[in-house]
Amino acid sequence: MGNASSLKNHVETSRKTGVLNLSDSHLKQYPDSIDVLHPSLRNLELSKNKLKTLPKSIGQFKELKILNVSNNSLEHLPEEINCLSKIETLQVNCNLLKSIPPLNNLMFLKRASFGDNQLSVFPEFLCELKHLEALDLSKNNITQLPELIKQSRLVELNLNQNQIRKLPSSLAQCPRLKTFRVEENCLELDDIPKELLTSSKVSLLCVEGNLFDMKSLLALEEYILNGYKMGPIIKANCACLISIKTNIKKKNSYKTLTKYKNYFYCSNNFKEKKYIIFIFKSFSFIKCYSIDIVTHNKL
């Protein structure tokens, strides 16, 4: 922030808008003058500064719904963060956190990002937040997931670039988990539970960069559907397919990948001009560059 006058102007504007953006303002300390906004502030942006600590008073923003303190030098979060009872989005990426205080009171939290920190333990209490849909814990030092993960209501979980050595079978019991990213970890093929491929709700599973050849994973029996002769159908539960943009046409119709029940199939019915193809070279029955259309009726 250039000077006190500029900060004061920001604060006065925030009284009207409910939004205070102090990102990339060269702040070395939390500006206490913004505490006058405790009763009304809904969005606080403090990212891309040089903050090492946050004061206890941060917990007094009772109406706050979005807090972004990413790209600072925070070594810990004050326990008073747990008083932000209305918060929906919490972003704390790219800091120096080694642990996270309990956040059990954040009952309306929907999205939480703690990527690129120094966490070694999965914050188990996050599994109990019923409204938490998206959680980013990538680029940390986490080695395992808690059994309590099965109770989470997560839709998307990002654990890329950690040190995870085994996935619990309870992960397959997550009732809403659609996207699971665990690339560049320490997983052997046997460390991926069969239940995750066969009985989970996961529709996008990203596991590249682990301690096994992707072809070995694609060759697992769990990936092959006996009824594939109807067309190039792959179980959506494993969803280890790679989609790319390319210029492929067939009879002048656009094609895309659509989910129907537990399967993926090609469809003509879409508006965006995107071309998506299967890349499953280890499966001889899939034509990588010419995909037959599998219709709703055939399924």
Protein backbone atom coordinates (compact mmCIF):
# COMPACT_ATOMS: atom_id res chain seq x y z
CA MET A 1 0.00 0.00 0.00
CA GLY A 2 1.44 3.30 -1.10
CA ASN A 3 0.45 5.38 1.95
CA ALA A 4 -1.99 5.74 4.82
CA SER A 5 -4.24 8.00 2.76
CA SER A 6 -4.61 5.38 0.06
CA LEU A 7 -5.47 2.72 2.64
CA LYS A 8 -8.04 5.03 4.18
CA ASN A 9 -9.67 5.51 0.79
CA HIS A 10 -9.85 1.75 0.31
CA VAL A 11 -11.48 1.34 3.70
CA GLU A 12 -14.06 4.03 3.00
CA THR A 13 -14.96 2.43 -0.31
CA SER A 14 -15.23 -0.97 1.38
CA ARG A 15 -17.82 0.40 3.80
CA LYS A 16 -20.12 0.69 0.78
CA THR A 17 -19.12 -2.36 -1.24
CA GLY A 18 -18.33 -4.92 1.45
CA VAL A 19 -15.17 -5.81 -0.49
CA LEU A 20 -11.60 -4.89 0.44
CA ASN A 21 -8.84 -5.78 -1.99
CA LEU A 22 -5.33 -5.22 -0.63
CA SER A 23 -3.63 -7.90 -2.69
CA ASP A 24 -0.13 -7.18 -4.00
CA SER A 25 0.11 -4.08 -1.77
CA HIS A 26 3.58 -4.78 -0.31
CA LEU A 27 2.10 -5.21 3.17
CA LYS A 28 4.53 -6.50 5.79
CA GLN A 29 2.01 -6.28 8.62
CA TYR A 30 -1.72 -6.67 8.86
CA PRO A 31 -3.25 -3.15 8.75
CA ASP A 32 -5.20 -2.74 12.00
CA SER A 33 -7.13 0.15 10.50
CA ILE A 34 -9.29 -2.26 8.52
CA ASP A 35 -10.79 -3.64 11.74
CA VAL A 36 -13.43 -0.90 11.54
CA LEU A 37 -14.97 -3.09 8.82
CA HIS A 38 -15.69 -5.97 11.21
CA PRO A 39 -19.49 -5.56 11.04
CA SER A 40 -19.87 -5.40 7.26
CA LEU A 41 -16.94 -6.82 5.26
CA ARG A 42 -17.81 -9.82 3.08
CA ASN A 43 -14.68 -10.25 0.97
CA LEU A 44 -11.12 -9.67 2.21
CA GLU A 45 -8.21 -10.02 -0.23
CA LEU A 46 -4.74 -9.97 1.35
CA SER A 47 -2.90 -12.20 -1.11
CA LYS A 48 0.55 -11.51 -2.61
CA ASN A 49 1.93 -9.57 0.34
CA LYS A 50 4.65 -10.24 2.91
CA LEU A 51 2.49 -11.05 5.93
CA LYS A 52 4.02 -13.37 8.52
CA THR A 53 1.12 -13.36 10.97
CA LEU A 54 -2.58 -12.59 11.18
CA PRO A 55 -4.03 -11.01 14.34
CA LYS A 56 -6.68 -12.58 16.53
CA SER A 57 -9.01 -9.80 15.44
CA ILE A 58 -9.33 -11.52 12.05
CA GLY A 59 -12.01 -13.67 13.66
CA GLN A 60 -14.27 -10.66 14.24
CA PHE A 61 -15.32 -10.30 10.61
CA LYS A 62 -18.67 -11.91 11.32
CA GLU A 63 -20.08 -11.36 7.81
CA LEU A 64 -16.97 -12.47 5.94
CA LYS A 65 -17.62 -14.99 3.16
CA ILE A 66 -14.31 -14.90 1.29
CA LEU A 67 -10.81 -14.68 2.80
CA ASN A 68 -7.74 -14.88 0.59
CA VAL A 69 -4.32 -14.75 2.26
CA SER A 70 -2.45 -16.78 -0.37
CA ASN A 71 1.13 -15.98 -1.38
CA ASN A 72 2.34 -14.61 1.93
CA SER A 73 4.78 -15.93 4.54
CA LEU A 74 2.30 -17.16 7.14
CA GLU A 75 3.71 -19.83 9.45
CA HIS A 76 0.45 -20.37 11.31
CA LEU A 77 -3.18 -19.31 11.35
CA PRO A 78 -4.78 -17.89 14.50
CA GLU A 79 -7.40 -20.12 16.11
CA GLU A 80 -9.82 -17.20 15.78
CA ILE A 81 -10.18 -18.10 12.09
CA ASN A 82 -12.64 -20.65 13.46
CA CYS A 83 -14.94 -17.76 14.43
CA LEU A 84 -15.63 -16.84 10.80
CA SER A 85 -18.91 -18.70 10.91
CA LYS A 86 -20.23 -17.41 7.56
CA ILE A 87 -17.13 -17.95 5.49
CA GLU A 88 -17.59 -19.91 2.26
CA THR A 89 -14.18 -19.65 0.59
CA LEU A 90 -10.82 -19.81 2.40
CA GLN A 91 -7.61 -19.50 0.36
CA VAL A 92 -4.26 -19.95 2.11
CA ASN A 93 -2.10 -21.27 -0.74
CA CYS A 94 1.64 -20.63 -0.97
CA ASN A 95 2.51 -19.98 2.65
CA LEU A 96 4.64 -21.74 5.28
CA LEU A 97 1.96 -23.55 7.27
CA LYS A 98 2.97 -26.76 9.04
CA SER A 99 -0.45 -27.28 10.60
CA ILE A 100 -3.97 -25.87 10.52
CA PRO A 101 -5.97 -25.05 13.65
CA PRO A 102 -9.37 -26.77 14.05
CA LEU A 103 -11.98 -25.16 11.85
CA ASN A 104 -14.99 -27.14 13.00
CA ASN A 105 -17.19 -24.05 13.29
CA LEU A 106 -16.90 -23.13 9.63
CA MET A 107 -20.13 -24.90 8.81
CA PHE A 108 -20.74 -22.98 5.57
CA LEU A 109 -17.25 -23.42 4.14
CA LYS A 110 -17.51 -24.65 0.55
CA ARG A 111 -14.01 -24.23 -0.86
CA ALA A 112 -10.69 -24.43 1.00
CA SER A 113 -7.20 -24.16 -0.49
CA PHE A 114 -4.05 -24.95 1.47
CA GLY A 115 -1.83 -25.89 -1.46
CA ASP A 116 1.92 -25.26 -1.49
CA ASN A 117 2.51 -25.24 2.26
CA GLN A 118 4.41 -27.59 4.58
CA LEU A 119 1.58 -29.73 5.93
CA SER A 120 2.56 -33.29 6.82
CA VAL A 121 -0.81 -34.47 8.18
CA PHE A 122 -4.17 -34.41 6.44
CA PRO A 123 -6.41 -32.05 8.51
CA GLU A 124 -8.93 -34.69 9.61
CA PHE A 125 -11.49 -32.21 10.94
CA LEU A 126 -12.09 -31.03 7.37
CA CYS A 127 -13.83 -34.34 6.70
CA GLU A 128 -16.58 -33.29 9.10
CA LEU A 129 -17.51 -30.05 7.34
CA LYS A 130 -20.76 -30.97 5.61
CA HIS A 131 -20.75 -28.13 3.06
CA LEU A 132 -17.10 -28.42 2.03
CA GLU A 133 -17.12 -29.33 -1.66
CA ALA A 134 -13.61 -28.56 -2.93
CA LEU A 135 -10.37 -29.05 -1.02
CA ASP A 136 -6.87 -28.33 -2.34
CA LEU A 137 -3.99 -29.80 -0.34
CA SER A 138 -1.56 -30.12 -3.24
CA LYS A 139 2.18 -29.47 -2.91
CA ASN A 140 2.50 -30.45 0.74
CA ASN A 141 4.18 -33.33 2.59
CA ILE A 142 1.10 -35.41 3.41
CA THR A 143 1.78 -39.16 3.56
CA GLN A 144 -1.65 -40.67 4.13
CA LEU A 145 -5.39 -40.04 4.24
CA PRO A 146 -7.47 -40.59 7.37
CA GLU A 147 -10.14 -43.30 7.52
CA LEU A 148 -12.55 -40.50 8.33
CA ILE A 149 -12.32 -39.41 4.69
CA LYS A 150 -15.35 -41.59 3.98
CA GLN A 151 -17.51 -39.14 5.94
CA SER A 152 -16.51 -36.14 3.86
CA ARG A 153 -18.94 -34.49 1.47
CA LEU A 154 -16.20 -33.43 -0.89
CA VAL A 155 -16.87 -33.27 -4.61
CA GLU A 156 -13.27 -32.46 -5.54
CA LEU A 157 -10.06 -33.35 -3.70
CA ASN A 158 -6.61 -32.32 -4.91
CA LEU A 159 -3.63 -34.09 -3.34
CA ASN A 160 -1.15 -33.70 -6.18
CA GLN A 161 2.55 -33.49 -5.31
CA ASN A 162 2.50 -34.92 -1.82
CA GLN A 163 4.15 -38.05 -0.41
CA ILE A 164 1.13 -40.33 -0.19
CA ARG A 165 2.12 -44.00 -0.16
CA LYS A 166 -1.27 -45.69 0.14
CA LEU A 167 -4.93 -44.85 -0.38
CA PRO A 168 -7.49 -46.18 2.10
CA SER A 169 -10.32 -48.30 0.73
CA SER A 170 -12.68 -46.04 2.67
CA LEU A 171 -12.00 -43.37 0.05
CA ALA A 172 -14.40 -45.22 -2.23
CA GLN A 173 -17.20 -44.61 0.27
CA CYS A 174 -17.16 -40.83 -0.18
CA PRO A 175 -20.75 -40.23 -1.25
CA ARG A 176 -20.12 -37.19 -3.47
CA LEU A 177 -16.48 -37.37 -4.57
CA LYS A 178 -16.31 -36.87 -8.35
CA THR A 179 -12.79 -35.57 -8.95
CA PHE A 180 -9.77 -37.03 -7.19
CA ARG A 181 -6.26 -35.83 -8.02
CA VAL A 182 -3.26 -37.65 -6.60
CA GLU A 183 -0.59 -37.12 -9.24
CA GLU A 184 3.13 -37.14 -8.42
CA ASN A 185 2.95 -39.01 -5.15
CA CYS A 186 4.58 -42.25 -3.96
CA LEU A 187 1.87 -44.74 -4.91
CA GLU A 188 2.51 -48.24 -6.21
CA LEU A 189 -0.21 -49.81 -8.34
CA ASP A 190 -1.30 -52.04 -5.45
CA ASP A 191 -1.75 -48.96 -3.27
CA ILE A 192 -4.81 -47.90 -5.27
CA PRO A 193 -7.82 -49.74 -3.81
CA LYS A 194 -9.91 -51.72 -6.30
CA GLU A 195 -13.03 -50.21 -4.74
CA LEU A 196 -11.99 -46.80 -6.01
CA LEU A 197 -12.16 -48.12 -9.56
CA THR A 198 -15.30 -50.19 -9.28
CA SER A 199 -17.71 -48.84 -6.68
CA SER A 200 -16.86 -45.21 -6.00
CA LYS A 201 -18.55 -42.10 -7.38
CA VAL A 202 -15.25 -40.81 -8.80
CA SER A 203 -15.54 -39.79 -12.45
CA LEU A 204 -12.14 -38.12 -12.86
CA LEU A 205 -9.16 -39.94 -11.37
CA CYS A 206 -5.73 -38.38 -11.96
CA VAL A 207 -2.83 -40.60 -10.90
CA GLU A 208 0.01 -39.90 -13.32
CA GLY A 209 3.53 -39.44 -12.02
CA ASN A 210 3.43 -42.17 -9.37
CA LEU A 211 5.57 -45.30 -9.01
CA PHE A 212 3.88 -47.35 -11.72
CA ASP A 213 3.44 -47.40 -15.47
CA MET A 214 0.09 -45.97 -16.57
CA LYS A 215 -0.29 -48.85 -19.02
CA SER A 216 -0.35 -51.23 -16.07
CA LEU A 217 -3.21 -49.31 -14.55
CA LEU A 218 -5.14 -49.21 -17.81
CA ALA A 219 -4.76 -52.97 -18.19
CA LEU A 220 -6.43 -53.76 -14.87
CA GLU A 221 -9.50 -55.93 -15.17
CA GLU A 222 -11.50 -53.31 -13.30
CA TYR A 223 -11.11 -50.95 -16.25
CA ILE A 224 -12.54 -53.19 -18.88
CA LEU A 225 -16.28 -53.35 -19.45
CA ASN A 226 -17.53 -56.61 -20.95
CA GLY A 227 -20.10 -54.81 -23.06
CA TYR A 228 -17.64 -52.64 -24.91
CA LYS A 229 -18.59 -54.14 -28.28
CA MET A 230 -21.54 -51.76 -28.36
CA GLY A 231 -19.01 -48.98 -28.74
CA PRO A 232 -15.97 -47.49 -27.02
CA ILE A 233 -17.46 -47.35 -23.52
CA ILE A 234 -15.30 -47.03 -20.43
CA LYS A 235 -16.51 -47.08 -16.86
CA ALA A 236 -16.89 -43.58 -15.56
CA ASN A 237 -15.95 -44.78 -12.11
CA CYS A 238 -12.31 -45.03 -13.11
CA ALA A 239 -12.33 -42.23 -15.68
CA CYS A 240 -8.65 -42.62 -16.44
CA LEU A 241 -9.10 -41.32 -19.91
CA ILE A 242 -7.25 -38.42 -21.39
CA SER A 243 -9.28 -35.84 -23.28
CA ILE A 244 -7.64 -33.34 -25.60
CA LYS A 245 -8.72 -30.67 -28.10
CA THR A 246 -8.16 -31.79 -31.65
CA ASN A 247 -9.61 -31.29 -35.11
CA ILE A 248 -11.47 -34.52 -35.62
CA LYS A 249 -14.74 -34.57 -37.53
CA LYS A 250 -17.02 -37.35 -38.63
CA LYS A 251 -19.81 -36.63 -41.08
CA ASN A 252 -19.45 -32.92 -40.29
CA SER A 253 -20.75 -33.41 -36.74
CA TYR A 254 -19.02 -32.31 -33.59
CA LYS A 255 -18.49 -34.88 -30.89
CA THR A 256 -17.92 -34.66 -27.20
CA LEU A 257 -17.74 -36.90 -24.20
CA THR A 258 -20.93 -37.15 -22.18
CA LYS A 259 -21.68 -39.02 -18.99
CA TYR A 260 -24.70 -41.29 -18.88
CA LYS A 261 -25.28 -43.26 -15.66
CA ASN A 262 -22.00 -45.10 -15.05
CA TYR A 263 -20.65 -44.85 -18.55
CA PHE A 264 -19.09 -42.41 -20.96
CA TYR A 265 -20.28 -42.22 -24.52
CA CYS A 266 -19.96 -39.94 -27.54
CA SER A 267 -22.76 -37.61 -28.48
CA ASN A 268 -23.56 -35.11 -31.22
CA ASN A 269 -25.66 -32.96 -28.92
CA PHE A 270 -23.54 -30.06 -27.71
CA LYS A 271 -23.05 -26.41 -28.66
CA GLU A 272 -19.38 -25.71 -28.05
CA LYS A 273 -16.97 -26.49 -30.86
CA LYS A 274 -14.77 -28.83 -28.90
CA TYR A 275 -13.39 -32.12 -30.08
CA ILE A 276 -12.58 -34.68 -27.44
CA ILE A 277 -11.18 -38.13 -28.09
CA PHE A 278 -10.24 -41.16 -26.04
CA ILE A 279 -6.55 -41.88 -25.74
CA PHE A 280 -6.41 -45.47 -24.61
CA LYS A 281 -3.73 -46.93 -26.80
CA SER A 282 -3.44 -50.03 -24.64
CA PHE A 283 -7.04 -50.92 -25.53
CA SER A 284 -7.12 -52.36 -29.02
CA PHE A 285 -10.90 -52.07 -29.26
CA ILE A 286 -10.77 -48.28 -29.01
CA LYS A 287 -10.02 -46.33 -32.15
CA CYS A 288 -8.06 -43.36 -30.93
CA TYR A 289 -8.73 -41.22 -33.96
CA SER A 290 -12.18 -42.35 -35.05
CA ILE A 291 -14.76 -42.90 -32.35
CA ASP A 292 -18.09 -44.46 -33.18
CA ILE A 293 -21.05 -42.75 -31.58
CA VAL A 294 -22.74 -44.70 -28.80
CA THR A 295 -26.25 -43.39 -28.38
CA HIS A 296 -28.60 -43.23 -25.42
CA ASN A 297 -30.70 -46.02 -26.95
CA LYS A 298 -27.77 -48.38 -27.23
CA LEU A 299 -27.08 -47.95 -23.53
